[in-house]
Amino acid sequence: MTHAEEVIERAMAAVAQARRRREREQEWRRQTFGRIQVGMPLPPLKRGGVQLSLQLERPNAR
């Protein structure tokens, strides 16, 4: 086996290992965070809210 073939083989092995690790972590996240229940949904906003001023400077500041 030539040096180039060995390098390619090691690279392919590293890619396969990274893929296995990523899939294993993805499965762990799915199981762990799939059990977490999100709190109650936020209440709907009422119409007629107040628009905030976009004036960021203080009126008396110089």
PDB file of N, CA and C in Angstrom:
ATOM      1  N   MET A   1       0.854  -1.167   0.000  1.00  0.00           N
ATOM      2  CA  MET A   1       0.000   0.000   0.000  1.00  0.00           C
ATOM      3  C   MET A   1       0.905   1.238   0.000  1.00  0.00           C
ATOM      4  N   THR A   2       0.613   2.157  -0.851  1.00  0.00           N
ATOM      5  CA  THR A   2       1.434   3.360  -0.935  1.00  0.00           C
ATOM      6  C   THR A   2       1.089   4.315   0.202  1.00  0.00           C
ATOM      7  N   HIS A   3       1.964   5.280   0.362  1.00  0.00           N
ATOM      8  CA  HIS A   3       1.750   6.269   1.422  1.00  0.00           C
ATOM      9  C   HIS A   3       0.442   7.029   1.200  1.00  0.00           C
ATOM     10  N   ALA A   4       0.160   7.382  -0.036  1.00  0.00           N
ATOM     11  CA  ALA A   4      -1.076   8.111  -0.342  1.00  0.00           C
ATOM     12  C   ALA A   4      -2.296   7.277   0.019  1.00  0.00           C
ATOM     13  N   GLU A   5      -2.260   5.996  -0.265  1.00  0.00           N
ATOM     14  CA  GLU A   5      -3.390   5.118   0.067  1.00  0.00           C
ATOM     15  C   GLU A   5      -3.572   5.013   1.577  1.00  0.00           C
ATOM     16  N   GLU A   6      -2.446   4.964   2.318  1.00  0.00           N
ATOM     17  CA  GLU A   6      -2.536   4.903   3.776  1.00  0.00           C
ATOM     18  C   GLU A   6      -3.152   6.186   4.339  1.00  0.00           C
ATOM     19  N   VAL A   7      -2.739   7.318   3.773  1.00  0.00           N
ATOM     20  CA  VAL A   7      -3.284   8.597   4.231  1.00  0.00           C
ATOM     21  C   VAL A   7      -4.782   8.654   3.958  1.00  0.00           C
ATOM     22  N   ILE A   8      -5.186   8.224   2.772  1.00  0.00           N
ATOM     23  CA  ILE A   8      -6.605   8.223   2.415  1.00  0.00           C
ATOM     24  C   ILE A   8      -7.383   7.295   3.333  1.00  0.00           C
ATOM     25  N   GLU A   9      -6.814   6.137   3.630  1.00  0.00           N
ATOM     26  CA  GLU A   9      -7.495   5.175   4.506  1.00  0.00           C
ATOM     27  C   GLU A   9      -7.664   5.748   5.914  1.00  0.00           C
ATOM     28  N   ARG A  10      -6.616   6.400   6.437  1.00  0.00           N
ATOM     29  CA  ARG A  10      -6.720   7.013   7.771  1.00  0.00           C
ATOM     30  C   ARG A  10      -7.743   8.146   7.771  1.00  0.00           C
ATOM     31  N   ALA A  11      -7.768   8.913   6.697  1.00  0.00           N
ATOM     32  CA  ALA A  11      -8.737  10.008   6.610  1.00  0.00           C
ATOM     33  C   ALA A  11     -10.160   9.467   6.574  1.00  0.00           C
ATOM     34  N   MET A  12     -10.383   8.418   5.805  1.00  0.00           N
ATOM     35  CA  MET A  12     -11.720   7.817   5.731  1.00  0.00           C
ATOM     36  C   MET A  12     -12.130   7.249   7.089  1.00  0.00           C
ATOM     37  N   ALA A  13     -11.167   6.654   7.813  1.00  0.00           N
ATOM     38  CA  ALA A  13     -11.463   6.121   9.142  1.00  0.00           C
ATOM     39  C   ALA A  13     -11.824   7.256  10.102  1.00  0.00           C
ATOM     40  N   ALA A  14     -11.110   8.385  10.003  1.00  0.00           N
ATOM     41  CA  ALA A  14     -11.411   9.525  10.872  1.00  0.00           C
ATOM     42  C   ALA A  14     -12.791  10.090  10.567  1.00  0.00           C
ATOM     43  N   VAL A  15     -13.149  10.156   9.291  1.00  0.00           N
ATOM     44  CA  VAL A  15     -14.472  10.648   8.901  1.00  0.00           C
ATOM     45  C   VAL A  15     -15.558   9.715   9.426  1.00  0.00           C
ATOM     46  N   ALA A  16     -15.338   8.410   9.304  1.00  0.00           N
ATOM     47  CA  ALA A  16     -16.324   7.439   9.789  1.00  0.00           C
ATOM     48  C   ALA A  16     -16.483   7.540  11.306  1.00  0.00           C
ATOM     49  N   GLN A  17     -15.365   7.720  12.005  1.00  0.00           N
ATOM     50  CA  GLN A  17     -15.430   7.851  13.459  1.00  0.00           C
ATOM     51  C   GLN A  17     -16.180   9.119  13.858  1.00  0.00           C
ATOM     52  N   ALA A  18     -15.904  10.215  13.163  1.00  0.00           N
ATOM     53  CA  ALA A  18     -16.605  11.468  13.461  1.00  0.00           C
ATOM     54  C   ALA A  18     -18.097  11.329  13.188  1.00  0.00           C
ATOM     55  N   ARG A  19     -18.455  10.634  12.124  1.00  0.00           N
ATOM     56  CA  ARG A  19     -19.869  10.430  11.797  1.00  0.00           C
ATOM     57  C   ARG A  19     -20.552   9.602  12.886  1.00  0.00           C
ATOM     58  N   ARG A  20     -19.883   8.533  13.342  1.00  0.00           N
ATOM     59  CA  ARG A  20     -20.470   7.705  14.405  1.00  0.00           C
ATOM     60  C   ARG A  20     -20.669   8.525  15.681  1.00  0.00           C
ATOM     61  N   ARG A  21     -19.659   9.332  16.027  1.00  0.00           N
ATOM     62  CA  ARG A  21     -19.762  10.156  17.227  1.00  0.00           C
ATOM     63  C   ARG A  21     -20.894  11.166  17.087  1.00  0.00           C
ATOM     64  N   ARG A  22     -21.003  11.805  15.922  1.00  0.00           N
ATOM     65  CA  ARG A  22     -22.057  12.793  15.699  1.00  0.00           C
ATOM     66  C   ARG A  22     -23.435  12.146  15.788  1.00  0.00           C
ATOM     67  N   GLU A  23     -23.590  10.958  15.185  1.00  0.00           N
ATOM     68  CA  GLU A  23     -24.882  10.268  15.236  1.00  0.00           C
ATOM     69  C   GLU A  23     -25.220   9.834  16.655  1.00  0.00           C
ATOM     70  N   ARG A  24     -24.201   9.391  17.396  1.00  0.00           N
ATOM     71  CA  ARG A  24     -24.427   8.984  18.783  1.00  0.00           C
ATOM     72  C   ARG A  24     -24.853  10.189  19.629  1.00  0.00           C
ATOM     73  N   GLU A  25     -24.180  11.341  19.450  1.00  0.00           N
ATOM     74  CA  GLU A  25     -24.553  12.542  20.193  1.00  0.00           C
ATOM     75  C   GLU A  25     -25.928  13.050  19.777  1.00  0.00           C
ATOM     76  N   GLN A  26     -26.246  12.933  18.501  1.00  0.00           N
ATOM     77  CA  GLN A  26     -27.562  13.358  18.024  1.00  0.00           C
ATOM     78  C   GLN A  26     -28.656  12.502  18.660  1.00  0.00           C
ATOM     79  N   GLU A  27     -28.424  11.217  18.758  1.00  0.00           N
ATOM     80  CA  GLU A  27     -29.400  10.322  19.392  1.00  0.00           C
ATOM     81  C   GLU A  27     -29.544  10.662  20.877  1.00  0.00           C
ATOM     82  N   TRP A  28     -28.413  10.950  21.540  1.00  0.00           N
ATOM     83  CA  TRP A  28     -28.452  11.318  22.957  1.00  0.00           C
ATOM     84  C   TRP A  28     -29.266  12.591  23.148  1.00  0.00           C
ATOM     85  N   ARG A  29     -29.035  13.609  22.285  1.00  0.00           N
ATOM     86  CA  ARG A  29     -29.794  14.859  22.384  1.00  0.00           C
ATOM     87  C   ARG A  29     -31.281  14.616  22.165  1.00  0.00           C
ATOM     88  N   ARG A  30     -31.602  13.764  21.181  1.00  0.00           N
ATOM     89  CA  ARG A  30     -33.007  13.486  20.898  1.00  0.00           C
ATOM     90  C   ARG A  30     -33.672  12.848  22.112  1.00  0.00           C
ATOM     91  N   GLN A  31     -33.000  11.886  22.748  1.00  0.00           N
ATOM     92  CA  GLN A  31     -33.579  11.227  23.911  1.00  0.00           C
ATOM     93  C   GLN A  31     -33.637  12.160  25.114  1.00  0.00           C
ATOM     94  N   THR A  32     -32.574  12.932  25.328  1.00  0.00           N
ATOM     95  CA  THR A  32     -32.510  13.806  26.500  1.00  0.00           C
ATOM     96  C   THR A  32     -33.482  14.965  26.384  1.00  0.00           C
ATOM     97  N   PHE A  33     -33.409  15.703  25.285  1.00  0.00           N
ATOM     98  CA  PHE A  33     -34.218  16.901  25.156  1.00  0.00           C
ATOM     99  C   PHE A  33     -35.627  16.588  24.675  1.00  0.00           C
ATOM    100  N   GLY A  34     -35.859  15.389  24.192  1.00  0.00           N
ATOM    101  CA  GLY A  34     -37.206  15.008  23.805  1.00  0.00           C
ATOM    102  C   GLY A  34     -38.109  14.835  25.012  1.00  0.00           C
ATOM    103  N   ARG A  35     -37.500  14.553  26.171  1.00  0.00           N
ATOM    104  CA  ARG A  35     -38.282  14.362  27.393  1.00  0.00           C
ATOM    105  C   ARG A  35     -38.629  15.681  28.068  1.00  0.00           C
ATOM    106  N   ILE A  36     -37.901  16.733  27.724  1.00  0.00           N
ATOM    107  CA  ILE A  36     -38.137  18.024  28.362  1.00  0.00           C
ATOM    108  C   ILE A  36     -39.407  18.635  27.787  1.00  0.00           C
ATOM    109  N   GLN A  37     -40.324  18.966  28.662  1.00  0.00           N
ATOM    110  CA  GLN A  37     -41.566  19.576  28.205  1.00  0.00           C
ATOM    111  C   GLN A  37     -41.456  21.085  28.347  1.00  0.00           C
ATOM    112  N   VAL A  38     -41.828  21.752  27.316  1.00  0.00           N
ATOM    113  CA  VAL A  38     -41.798  23.207  27.324  1.00  0.00           C
ATOM    114  C   VAL A  38     -42.975  23.694  28.147  1.00  0.00           C
ATOM    115  N   GLY A  39     -42.794  24.830  28.806  1.00  0.00           N
ATOM    116  CA  GLY A  39     -43.856  25.387  29.645  1.00  0.00           C
ATOM    117  C   GLY A  39     -45.079  25.754  28.830  1.00  0.00           C
ATOM    118  N   MET A  40     -46.040  26.288  29.504  1.00  0.00           N
ATOM    119  CA  MET A  40     -47.284  26.677  28.842  1.00  0.00           C
ATOM    120  C   MET A  40     -46.990  27.735  27.787  1.00  0.00           C
ATOM    121  N   PRO A  41     -47.735  27.742  26.701  1.00  0.00           N
ATOM    122  CA  PRO A  41     -47.505  28.758  25.673  1.00  0.00           C
ATOM    123  C   PRO A  41     -47.846  30.151  26.198  1.00  0.00           C
ATOM    124  N   LEU A  42     -47.195  31.149  25.623  1.00  0.00           N
ATOM    125  CA  LEU A  42     -47.445  32.526  26.047  1.00  0.00           C
ATOM    126  C   LEU A  42     -48.860  32.944  25.668  1.00  0.00           C
ATOM    127  N   PRO A  43     -49.466  33.786  26.475  1.00  0.00           N
ATOM    128  CA  PRO A  43     -50.819  34.248  26.134  1.00  0.00           C
ATOM    129  C   PRO A  43     -50.757  35.142  24.896  1.00  0.00           C
ATOM    130  N   PRO A  44     -51.833  35.194  24.134  1.00  0.00           N
ATOM    131  CA  PRO A  44     -51.824  36.050  22.944  1.00  0.00           C
ATOM    132  C   PRO A  44     -51.764  37.520  23.349  1.00  0.00           C
ATOM    133  N   LEU A  45     -51.076  38.315  22.533  1.00  0.00           N
ATOM    134  CA  LEU A  45     -50.966  39.744  22.821  1.00  0.00           C
ATOM    135  C   LEU A  45     -52.271  40.443  22.479  1.00  0.00           C
ATOM    136  N   LYS A  46     -52.630  41.408  23.299  1.00  0.00           N
ATOM    137  CA  LYS A  46     -53.860  42.155  23.058  1.00  0.00           C
ATOM    138  C   LYS A  46     -53.585  43.263  22.049  1.00  0.00           C
ATOM    139  N   ARG A  47     -54.593  43.628  21.326  1.00  0.00           N
ATOM    140  CA  ARG A  47     -54.483  44.742  20.377  1.00  0.00           C
ATOM    141  C   ARG A  47     -54.427  46.054  21.152  1.00  0.00           C
ATOM    142  N   GLY A  48     -53.889  47.080  20.528  1.00  0.00           N
ATOM    143  CA  GLY A  48     -53.875  48.399  21.149  1.00  0.00           C
ATOM    144  C   GLY A  48     -52.736  48.588  22.129  1.00  0.00           C
ATOM    145  N   GLY A  49     -51.600  47.967  21.885  1.00  0.00           N
ATOM    146  CA  GLY A  49     -50.456  48.150  22.767  1.00  0.00           C
ATOM    147  C   GLY A  49     -49.862  49.540  22.624  1.00  0.00           C
ATOM    148  N   VAL A  50     -48.894  49.849  23.440  1.00  0.00           N
ATOM    149  CA  VAL A  50     -48.256  51.161  23.429  1.00  0.00           C
ATOM    150  C   VAL A  50     -46.954  51.052  22.658  1.00  0.00           C
ATOM    151  N   GLN A  51     -46.731  51.981  21.722  1.00  0.00           N
ATOM    152  CA  GLN A  51     -45.487  51.991  20.974  1.00  0.00           C
ATOM    153  C   GLN A  51     -44.453  52.754  21.781  1.00  0.00           C
ATOM    154  N   LEU A  52     -43.289  52.164  21.956  1.00  0.00           N
ATOM    155  CA  LEU A  52     -42.242  52.796  22.738  1.00  0.00           C
ATOM    156  C   LEU A  52     -41.518  53.831  21.898  1.00  0.00           C
ATOM    157  N   SER A  53     -41.015  54.861  22.557  1.00  0.00           N
ATOM    158  CA  SER A  53     -40.282  55.914  21.870  1.00  0.00           C
ATOM    159  C   SER A  53     -38.912  55.388  21.460  1.00  0.00           C
ATOM    160  N   LEU A  54     -38.443  55.804  20.306  1.00  0.00           N
ATOM    161  CA  LEU A  54     -37.124  55.399  19.843  1.00  0.00           C
ATOM    162  C   LEU A  54     -36.073  56.461  20.140  1.00  0.00           C
ATOM    163  N   GLN A  55     -36.438  57.496  20.871  1.00  0.00           N
ATOM    164  CA  GLN A  55     -35.487  58.539  21.228  1.00  0.00           C
ATOM    165  C   GLN A  55     -34.584  57.984  22.329  1.00  0.00           C
ATOM    166  N   LEU A  56     -33.327  57.712  21.972  1.00  0.00           N
ATOM    167  CA  LEU A  56     -32.429  57.040  22.903  1.00  0.00           C
ATOM    168  C   LEU A  56     -31.651  58.017  23.773  1.00  0.00           C
ATOM    169  N   GLU A  57     -31.531  59.264  23.345  1.00  0.00           N
ATOM    170  CA  GLU A  57     -30.791  60.249  24.128  1.00  0.00           C
ATOM    171  C   GLU A  57     -31.730  60.912  25.126  1.00  0.00           C
ATOM    172  N   ARG A  58     -31.168  61.303  26.243  1.00  0.00           N
ATOM    173  CA  ARG A  58     -31.965  62.022  27.225  1.00  0.00           C
ATOM    174  C   ARG A  58     -32.249  63.422  26.689  1.00  0.00           C
ATOM    175  N   PRO A  59     -33.428  63.958  26.925  1.00  0.00           N
ATOM    176  CA  PRO A  59     -33.759  65.271  26.359  1.00  0.00           C
ATOM    177  C   PRO A  59     -32.866  66.391  26.885  1.00  0.00           C
ATOM    178  N   ASN A  60     -32.370  66.299  28.128  1.00  0.00           N
ATOM    179  CA  ASN A  60     -31.562  67.368  28.715  1.00  0.00           C
ATOM    180  C   ASN A  60     -30.067  67.135  28.534  1.00  0.00           C
ATOM    181  N   ALA A  61     -29.670  66.032  27.954  1.00  0.00           N
ATOM    182  CA  ALA A  61     -28.240  65.730  27.794  1.00  0.00           C
ATOM    183  C   ALA A  61     -27.658  66.552  26.655  1.00  0.00           C
ATOM    184  N   ARG A  62     -26.409  66.978  26.814  1.00  0.00           N
ATOM    185  CA  ARG A  62     -25.746  67.758  25.750  1.00  0.00           C
ATOM    186  C   ARG A  62     -24.516  67.070  25.294  1.00  0.00           C
TER     187      ARG A  62
END
